């Protein structure tokens, strides 16, 4: 299985942390499986995964909470 992330370690993203927009560097990435899909015979078809980015100081954000620019973050609000 190959898992591709939207961002890489070392990339900078914009996210809401401590109730304000901040530009932060991604320091780590965690991938978790949240569920599986099987066919009628029990064969595994796919995994539902979650990708989270570690932004430092205990702050994590998922794909939908990280943006490449401040403008895109503000448009999402």
PDB file of N, CA and C in Angstrom:
ATOM      1  N   UNK A   1       0.842  -1.165   0.000  1.00  0.00           N
ATOM      2  CA  UNK A   1       0.000   0.000   0.000  1.00  0.00           C
ATOM      3  C   UNK A   1       0.894   1.238   0.000  1.00  0.00           C
ATOM      4  N   UNK A   2       0.530   2.199  -0.787  1.00  0.00           N
ATOM      5  CA  UNK A   2       1.230   3.472  -0.822  1.00  0.00           C
ATOM      6  C   UNK A   2       0.294   4.552  -0.291  1.00  0.00           C
ATOM      7  N   UNK A   3       0.791   5.340   0.630  1.00  0.00           N
ATOM      8  CA  UNK A   3       0.010   6.441   1.183  1.00  0.00           C
ATOM      9  C   UNK A   3       0.702   7.737   0.808  1.00  0.00           C
ATOM     10  N   UNK A   4      -0.022   8.590   0.099  1.00  0.00           N
ATOM     11  CA  UNK A   4       0.523   9.892  -0.288  1.00  0.00           C
ATOM     12  C   UNK A   4      -0.127  10.964   0.567  1.00  0.00           C
ATOM     13  N   UNK A   5       0.696  11.852   1.097  1.00  0.00           N
ATOM     14  CA  UNK A   5       0.192  12.933   1.934  1.00  0.00           C
ATOM     15  C   UNK A   5       0.147  14.221   1.129  1.00  0.00           C
ATOM     16  N   UNK A   6      -0.711  15.119   1.566  1.00  0.00           N
ATOM     17  CA  UNK A   6      -0.849  16.411   0.910  1.00  0.00           C
ATOM     18  C   UNK A   6       0.390  17.279   1.153  1.00  0.00           C
ATOM     19  N   UNK A   7       0.966  17.144   2.350  1.00  0.00           N
ATOM     20  CA  UNK A   7       2.153  17.909   2.733  1.00  0.00           C
ATOM     21  C   UNK A   7       3.233  16.954   3.216  1.00  0.00           C
ATOM     22  N   UNK A   8       4.469  17.442   3.256  1.00  0.00           N
ATOM     23  CA  UNK A   8       5.606  16.647   3.697  1.00  0.00           C
ATOM     24  C   UNK A   8       6.226  17.271   4.935  1.00  0.00           C
ATOM     25  N   UNK A   9       7.006  16.483   5.669  1.00  0.00           N
ATOM     26  CA  UNK A   9       7.753  17.016   6.801  1.00  0.00           C
ATOM     27  C   UNK A   9       8.660  18.125   6.281  1.00  0.00           C
ATOM     28  N   UNK A  10       8.647  19.250   6.973  1.00  0.00           N
ATOM     29  CA  UNK A  10       9.436  20.406   6.564  1.00  0.00           C
ATOM     30  C   UNK A  10       8.635  21.451   5.819  1.00  0.00           C
ATOM     31  N   UNK A  11       7.476  21.077   5.266  1.00  0.00           N
ATOM     32  CA  UNK A  11       6.617  22.041   4.585  1.00  0.00           C
ATOM     33  C   UNK A  11       6.002  22.993   5.607  1.00  0.00           C
ATOM     34  N   UNK A  12       5.695  24.207   5.152  1.00  0.00           N
ATOM     35  CA  UNK A  12       4.977  25.172   5.986  1.00  0.00           C
ATOM     36  C   UNK A  12       3.528  25.199   5.565  1.00  0.00           C
ATOM     37  N   UNK A  13       2.635  25.247   6.551  1.00  0.00           N
ATOM     38  CA  UNK A  13       1.199  25.327   6.303  1.00  0.00           C
ATOM     39  C   UNK A  13       0.602  26.391   7.208  1.00  0.00           C
ATOM     40  N   UNK A  14      -0.589  26.824   6.842  1.00  0.00           N
ATOM     41  CA  UNK A  14      -1.367  27.735   7.676  1.00  0.00           C
ATOM     42  C   UNK A  14      -2.456  26.927   8.352  1.00  0.00           C
ATOM     43  N   UNK A  15      -2.631  27.151   9.660  1.00  0.00           N
ATOM     44  CA  UNK A  15      -3.661  26.449  10.421  1.00  0.00           C
ATOM     45  C   UNK A  15      -4.108  27.347  11.574  1.00  0.00           C
ATOM     46  N   UNK A  16      -5.281  27.038  12.118  1.00  0.00           N
ATOM     47  CA  UNK A  16      -5.770  27.748  13.298  1.00  0.00           C
ATOM     48  C   UNK A  16      -5.241  27.001  14.524  1.00  0.00           C
ATOM     49  N   UNK A  17      -4.412  27.676  15.298  1.00  0.00           N
ATOM     50  CA  UNK A  17      -3.879  27.124  16.540  1.00  0.00           C
ATOM     51  C   UNK A  17      -4.021  28.205  17.600  1.00  0.00           C
ATOM     52  N   UNK A  18      -4.540  27.813  18.762  1.00  0.00           N
ATOM     53  CA  UNK A  18      -4.784  28.759  19.850  1.00  0.00           C
ATOM     54  C   UNK A  18      -5.651  29.939  19.381  1.00  0.00           C
ATOM     55  N   UNK A  19      -6.665  29.618  18.575  1.00  0.00           N
ATOM     56  CA  UNK A  19      -7.650  30.585  18.079  1.00  0.00           C
ATOM     57  C   UNK A  19      -7.075  31.690  17.198  1.00  0.00           C
ATOM     58  N   UNK A  20      -5.970  31.419  16.529  1.00  0.00           N
ATOM     59  CA  UNK A  20      -5.453  32.406  15.571  1.00  0.00           C
ATOM     60  C   UNK A  20      -4.755  31.693  14.418  1.00  0.00           C
ATOM     61  N   UNK A  21      -4.766  32.354  13.268  1.00  0.00           N
ATOM     62  CA  UNK A  21      -4.107  31.797  12.082  1.00  0.00           C
ATOM     63  C   UNK A  21      -2.600  31.872  12.282  1.00  0.00           C
ATOM     64  N   UNK A  22      -1.938  30.729  12.075  1.00  0.00           N
ATOM     65  CA  UNK A  22      -0.494  30.679  12.257  1.00  0.00           C
ATOM     66  C   UNK A  22       0.151  29.912  11.106  1.00  0.00           C
ATOM     67  N   UNK A  23       1.331  30.349  10.719  1.00  0.00           N
ATOM     68  CA  UNK A  23       2.140  29.633   9.732  1.00  0.00           C
ATOM     69  C   UNK A  23       3.096  28.749  10.508  1.00  0.00           C
ATOM     70  N   UNK A  24       2.985  27.437  10.292  1.00  0.00           N
ATOM     71  CA  UNK A  24       3.745  26.465  11.064  1.00  0.00           C
ATOM     72  C   UNK A  24       4.427  25.455  10.162  1.00  0.00           C
ATOM     73  N   UNK A  25       5.554  24.938  10.626  1.00  0.00           N
ATOM     74  CA  UNK A  25       6.285  23.922   9.866  1.00  0.00           C
ATOM     75  C   UNK A  25       5.838  22.546  10.337  1.00  0.00           C
ATOM     76  N   UNK A  26       5.601  21.660   9.390  1.00  0.00           N
ATOM     77  CA  UNK A  26       5.212  20.289   9.715  1.00  0.00           C
ATOM     78  C   UNK A  26       6.446  19.557  10.229  1.00  0.00           C
ATOM     79  N   UNK A  27       6.319  19.015  11.444  1.00  0.00           N
ATOM     80  CA  UNK A  27       7.448  18.348  12.087  1.00  0.00           C
ATOM     81  C   UNK A  27       7.295  16.834  12.108  1.00  0.00           C
ATOM     82  N   UNK A  28       6.096  16.346  11.807  1.00  0.00           N
ATOM     83  CA  UNK A  28       5.855  14.909  11.795  1.00  0.00           C
ATOM     84  C   UNK A  28       4.525  14.602  11.150  1.00  0.00           C
ATOM     85  N   UNK A  29       4.358  13.351  10.768  1.00  0.00           N
ATOM     86  CA  UNK A  29       3.122  12.901  10.126  1.00  0.00           C
ATOM     87  C   UNK A  29       2.722  11.573  10.757  1.00  0.00           C
ATOM     88  N   UNK A  30       1.439  11.440  11.091  1.00  0.00           N
ATOM     89  CA  UNK A  30       0.908  10.191  11.637  1.00  0.00           C
ATOM     90  C   UNK A  30      -0.225   9.715  10.734  1.00  0.00           C
ATOM     91  N   UNK A  31      -0.222   8.431  10.430  1.00  0.00           N
ATOM     92  CA  UNK A  31      -1.272   7.825   9.610  1.00  0.00           C
ATOM     93  C   UNK A  31      -1.945   6.743  10.444  1.00  0.00           C
ATOM     94  N   UNK A  32      -3.270   6.798  10.522  1.00  0.00           N
ATOM     95  CA  UNK A  32      -4.040   5.821  11.286  1.00  0.00           C
ATOM     96  C   UNK A  32      -5.129   5.222  10.409  1.00  0.00           C
ATOM     97  N   UNK A  33      -5.434   3.964  10.641  1.00  0.00           N
ATOM     98  CA  UNK A  33      -6.578   3.359   9.971  1.00  0.00           C
ATOM     99  C   UNK A  33      -7.791   3.519  10.875  1.00  0.00           C
ATOM    100  N   UNK A  34      -8.902   3.962  10.285  1.00  0.00           N
ATOM    101  CA  UNK A  34     -10.122   4.189  11.045  1.00  0.00           C
ATOM    102  C   UNK A  34     -11.177   3.137  10.766  1.00  0.00           C
ATOM    103  N   UNK A  35     -10.967   2.368   9.731  1.00  0.00           N
ATOM    104  CA  UNK A  35     -11.939   1.347   9.381  1.00  0.00           C
ATOM    105  C   UNK A  35     -11.533   0.636   8.110  1.00  0.00           C
ATOM    106  N   UNK A  36     -12.241  -0.432   7.822  1.00  0.00           N
ATOM    107  CA  UNK A  36     -11.953  -1.245   6.644  1.00  0.00           C
ATOM    108  C   UNK A  36     -13.248  -1.545   5.916  1.00  0.00           C
ATOM    109  N   UNK A  37     -13.132  -1.783   4.609  1.00  0.00           N
ATOM    110  CA  UNK A  37     -14.280  -2.163   3.794  1.00  0.00           C
ATOM    111  C   UNK A  37     -14.004  -3.548   3.211  1.00  0.00           C
ATOM    112  N   UNK A  38     -14.976  -4.444   3.364  1.00  0.00           N
ATOM    113  CA  UNK A  38     -14.854  -5.812   2.873  1.00  0.00           C
ATOM    114  C   UNK A  38     -15.959  -6.102   1.866  1.00  0.00           C
ATOM    115  N   UNK A  39     -15.713  -7.034   0.950  1.00  0.00           N
ATOM    116  CA  UNK A  39     -16.778  -7.472   0.048  1.00  0.00           C
ATOM    117  C   UNK A  39     -17.577  -8.587   0.727  1.00  0.00           C
ATOM    118  N   UNK A  40     -18.559  -9.147   0.023  1.00  0.00           N
ATOM    119  CA  UNK A  40     -19.441 -10.162   0.589  1.00  0.00           C
ATOM    120  C   UNK A  40     -18.695 -11.410   1.042  1.00  0.00           C
ATOM    121  N   UNK A  41     -17.583 -11.733   0.389  1.00  0.00           N
ATOM    122  CA  UNK A  41     -16.835 -12.942   0.744  1.00  0.00           C
ATOM    123  C   UNK A  41     -15.833 -12.689   1.877  1.00  0.00           C
ATOM    124  N   UNK A  42     -15.737 -11.461   2.331  1.00  0.00           N
ATOM    125  CA  UNK A  42     -14.819 -11.142   3.417  1.00  0.00           C
ATOM    126  C   UNK A  42     -13.470 -10.637   2.964  1.00  0.00           C
ATOM    127  N   UNK A  43     -13.304 -10.456   1.640  1.00  0.00           N
ATOM    128  CA  UNK A  43     -12.029  -9.956   1.116  1.00  0.00           C
ATOM    129  C   UNK A  43     -11.905  -8.453   1.408  1.00  0.00           C
ATOM    130  N   UNK A  44     -10.742  -8.046   1.918  1.00  0.00           N
ATOM    131  CA  UNK A  44     -10.495  -6.640   2.223  1.00  0.00           C
ATOM    132  C   UNK A  44     -10.429  -5.831   0.929  1.00  0.00           C
ATOM    133  N   UNK A  45     -11.250  -4.776   0.841  1.00  0.00           N
ATOM    134  CA  UNK A  45     -11.264  -3.930  -0.347  1.00  0.00           C
ATOM    135  C   UNK A  45     -10.469  -2.641  -0.140  1.00  0.00           C
ATOM    136  N   UNK A  46     -10.630  -2.016   1.023  1.00  0.00           N
ATOM    137  CA  UNK A  46      -9.937  -0.748   1.252  1.00  0.00           C
ATOM    138  C   UNK A  46      -9.899  -0.426   2.739  1.00  0.00           C
ATOM    139  N   UNK A  47      -9.032   0.533   3.045  1.00  0.00           N
ATOM    140  CA  UNK A  47      -8.932   1.077   4.404  1.00  0.00           C
ATOM    141  C   UNK A  47      -9.416   2.516   4.387  1.00  0.00           C
ATOM    142  N   UNK A  48     -10.009   2.947   5.464  1.00  0.00           N
ATOM    143  CA  UNK A  48     -10.290   4.362   5.663  1.00  0.00           C
ATOM    144  C   UNK A  48      -9.169   4.885   6.548  1.00  0.00           C
ATOM    145  N   UNK A  49      -8.428   5.855   6.055  1.00  0.00           N
ATOM    146  CA  UNK A  49      -7.282   6.329   6.816  1.00  0.00           C
ATOM    147  C   UNK A  49      -7.446   7.794   7.203  1.00  0.00           C
ATOM    148  N   UNK A  50      -6.703   8.175   8.218  1.00  0.00           N
ATOM    149  CA  UNK A  50      -6.656   9.565   8.660  1.00  0.00           C
ATOM    150  C   UNK A  50      -5.184   9.969   8.690  1.00  0.00           C
ATOM    151  N   UNK A  51      -4.891  11.128   8.123  1.00  0.00           N
ATOM    152  CA  UNK A  51      -3.532  11.657   8.118  1.00  0.00           C
ATOM    153  C   UNK A  51      -3.530  12.905   8.985  1.00  0.00           C
ATOM    154  N   UNK A  52      -2.632  12.934   9.953  1.00  0.00           N
ATOM    155  CA  UNK A  52      -2.496  14.105  10.823  1.00  0.00           C
ATOM    156  C   UNK A  52      -1.061  14.600  10.754  1.00  0.00           C
ATOM    157  N   UNK A  53      -0.943  15.917  10.826  1.00  0.00           N
ATOM    158  CA  UNK A  53       0.363  16.574  10.761  1.00  0.00           C
ATOM    159  C   UNK A  53       0.707  17.131  12.133  1.00  0.00           C
ATOM    160  N   UNK A  54       1.925  16.830  12.606  1.00  0.00           N
ATOM    161  CA  UNK A  54       2.393  17.361  13.880  1.00  0.00           C
ATOM    162  C   UNK A  54       3.015  18.722  13.630  1.00  0.00           C
ATOM    163  N   UNK A  55       2.493  19.745  14.317  1.00  0.00           N
ATOM    164  CA  UNK A  55       2.919  21.119  14.095  1.00  0.00           C
ATOM    165  C   UNK A  55       3.766  21.658  15.244  1.00  0.00           C
ATOM    166  N   UNK A  56       4.081  20.820  16.213  1.00  0.00           N
ATOM    167  CA  UNK A  56       4.898  21.230  17.350  1.00  0.00           C
ATOM    168  C   UNK A  56       4.063  21.592  18.558  1.00  0.00           C
ATOM    169  N   UNK A  57       4.696  21.597  19.718  1.00  0.00           N
ATOM    170  CA  UNK A  57       4.057  21.961  20.986  1.00  0.00           C
ATOM    171  C   UNK A  57       2.770  21.180  21.245  1.00  0.00           C
ATOM    172  N   UNK A  58       2.719  19.935  20.814  1.00  0.00           N
ATOM    173  CA  UNK A  58       1.545  19.100  21.043  1.00  0.00           C
ATOM    174  C   UNK A  58       0.387  19.354  20.100  1.00  0.00           C
ATOM    175  N   UNK A  59       0.562  20.237  19.122  1.00  0.00           N
ATOM    176  CA  UNK A  59      -0.515  20.579  18.183  1.00  0.00           C
ATOM    177  C   UNK A  59      -0.477  19.669  16.961  1.00  0.00           C
ATOM    178  N   UNK A  60      -1.632  19.077  16.661  1.00  0.00           N
ATOM    179  CA  UNK A  60      -1.818  18.235  15.479  1.00  0.00           C
ATOM    180  C   UNK A  60      -2.949  18.814  14.652  1.00  0.00           C
ATOM    181  N   UNK A  61      -2.895  18.637  13.334  1.00  0.00           N
ATOM    182  CA  UNK A  61      -3.982  19.072  12.448  1.00  0.00           C
ATOM    183  C   UNK A  61      -4.125  18.056  11.321  1.00  0.00           C
ATOM    184  N   UNK A  62      -5.352  17.835  10.856  1.00  0.00           N
ATOM    185  CA  UNK A  62      -5.549  16.916   9.733  1.00  0.00           C
ATOM    186  C   UNK A  62      -5.549  17.686   8.412  1.00  0.00           C
ATOM    187  N   UNK A  63      -5.666  16.955   7.323  1.00  0.00           N
ATOM    188  CA  UNK A  63      -5.594  17.545   5.973  1.00  0.00           C
ATOM    189  C   UNK A  63      -6.522  18.734   5.779  1.00  0.00           C
ATOM    190  N   UNK A  64      -7.752  18.618   6.255  1.00  0.00           N
ATOM    191  CA  UNK A  64      -8.733  19.667   5.994  1.00  0.00           C
ATOM    192  C   UNK A  64      -8.511  20.919   6.835  1.00  0.00           C
ATOM    193  N   UNK A  65      -7.611  20.848   7.820  1.00  0.00           N
ATOM    194  CA  UNK A  65      -7.349  22.003   8.683  1.00  0.00           C
ATOM    195  C   UNK A  65      -6.047  22.714   8.325  1.00  0.00           C
ATOM    196  N   UNK A  66      -5.331  22.224   7.305  1.00  0.00           N
ATOM    197  CA  UNK A  66      -4.066  22.826   6.883  1.00  0.00           C
ATOM    198  C   UNK A  66      -4.217  23.421   5.483  1.00  0.00           C
ATOM    199  N   UNK A  67      -3.618  24.580   5.286  1.00  0.00           N
ATOM    200  CA  UNK A  67      -3.743  25.288   4.020  1.00  0.00           C
ATOM    201  C   UNK A  67      -2.378  25.817   3.580  1.00  0.00           C
ATOM    202  N   UNK A  68      -2.143  25.869   2.277  1.00  0.00           N
ATOM    203  CA  UNK A  68      -0.837  26.340   1.795  1.00  0.00           C
ATOM    204  C   UNK A  68      -0.636  27.845   1.942  1.00  0.00           C
ATOM    205  N   UNK A  69      -1.730  28.618   1.997  1.00  0.00           N
ATOM    206  CA  UNK A  69      -1.618  30.075   2.121  1.00  0.00           C
ATOM    207  C   UNK A  69      -2.586  30.583   3.179  1.00  0.00           C
ATOM    208  N   UNK A  70      -2.290  31.745   3.719  1.00  0.00           N
ATOM    209  CA  UNK A  70      -3.177  32.369   4.697  1.00  0.00           C
ATOM    210  C   UNK A  70      -4.512  32.712   4.059  1.00  0.00           C
ATOM    211  N   UNK A  71      -4.487  33.148   2.799  1.00  0.00           N
ATOM    212  CA  UNK A  71      -5.715  33.511   2.100  1.00  0.00           C
ATOM    213  C   UNK A  71      -6.665  32.316   1.987  1.00  0.00           C
ATOM    214  N   UNK A  72      -6.115  31.139   1.664  1.00  0.00           N
ATOM    215  CA  UNK A  72      -6.968  29.950   1.541  1.00  0.00           C
ATOM    216  C   UNK A  72      -7.536  29.549   2.899  1.00  0.00           C
ATOM    217  N   UNK A  73      -6.749  29.693   3.949  1.00  0.00           N
ATOM    218  CA  UNK A  73      -7.253  29.410   5.292  1.00  0.00           C
ATOM    219  C   UNK A  73      -8.409  30.340   5.623  1.00  0.00           C
ATOM    220  N   UNK A  74      -8.246  31.625   5.378  1.00  0.00           N
ATOM    221  CA  UNK A  74      -9.299  32.602   5.697  1.00  0.00           C
ATOM    222  C   UNK A  74     -10.553  32.364   4.863  1.00  0.00           C
ATOM    223  N   UNK A  75     -10.402  31.969   3.607  1.00  0.00           N
ATOM    224  CA  UNK A  75     -11.569  31.671   2.760  1.00  0.00           C
ATOM    225  C   UNK A  75     -12.364  30.488   3.284  1.00  0.00           C
ATOM    226  N   UNK A  76     -11.692  29.572   3.984  1.00  0.00           N
ATOM    227  CA  UNK A  76     -12.371  28.372   4.473  1.00  0.00           C
ATOM    228  C   UNK A  76     -13.235  28.639   5.706  1.00  0.00           C
ATOM    229  N   UNK A  77     -13.051  29.774   6.331  1.00  0.00           N
ATOM    230  CA  UNK A  77     -13.791  30.085   7.570  1.00  0.00           C
ATOM    231  C   UNK A  77     -15.215  30.529   7.313  1.00  0.00           C
TER     232      UNK A  77
END
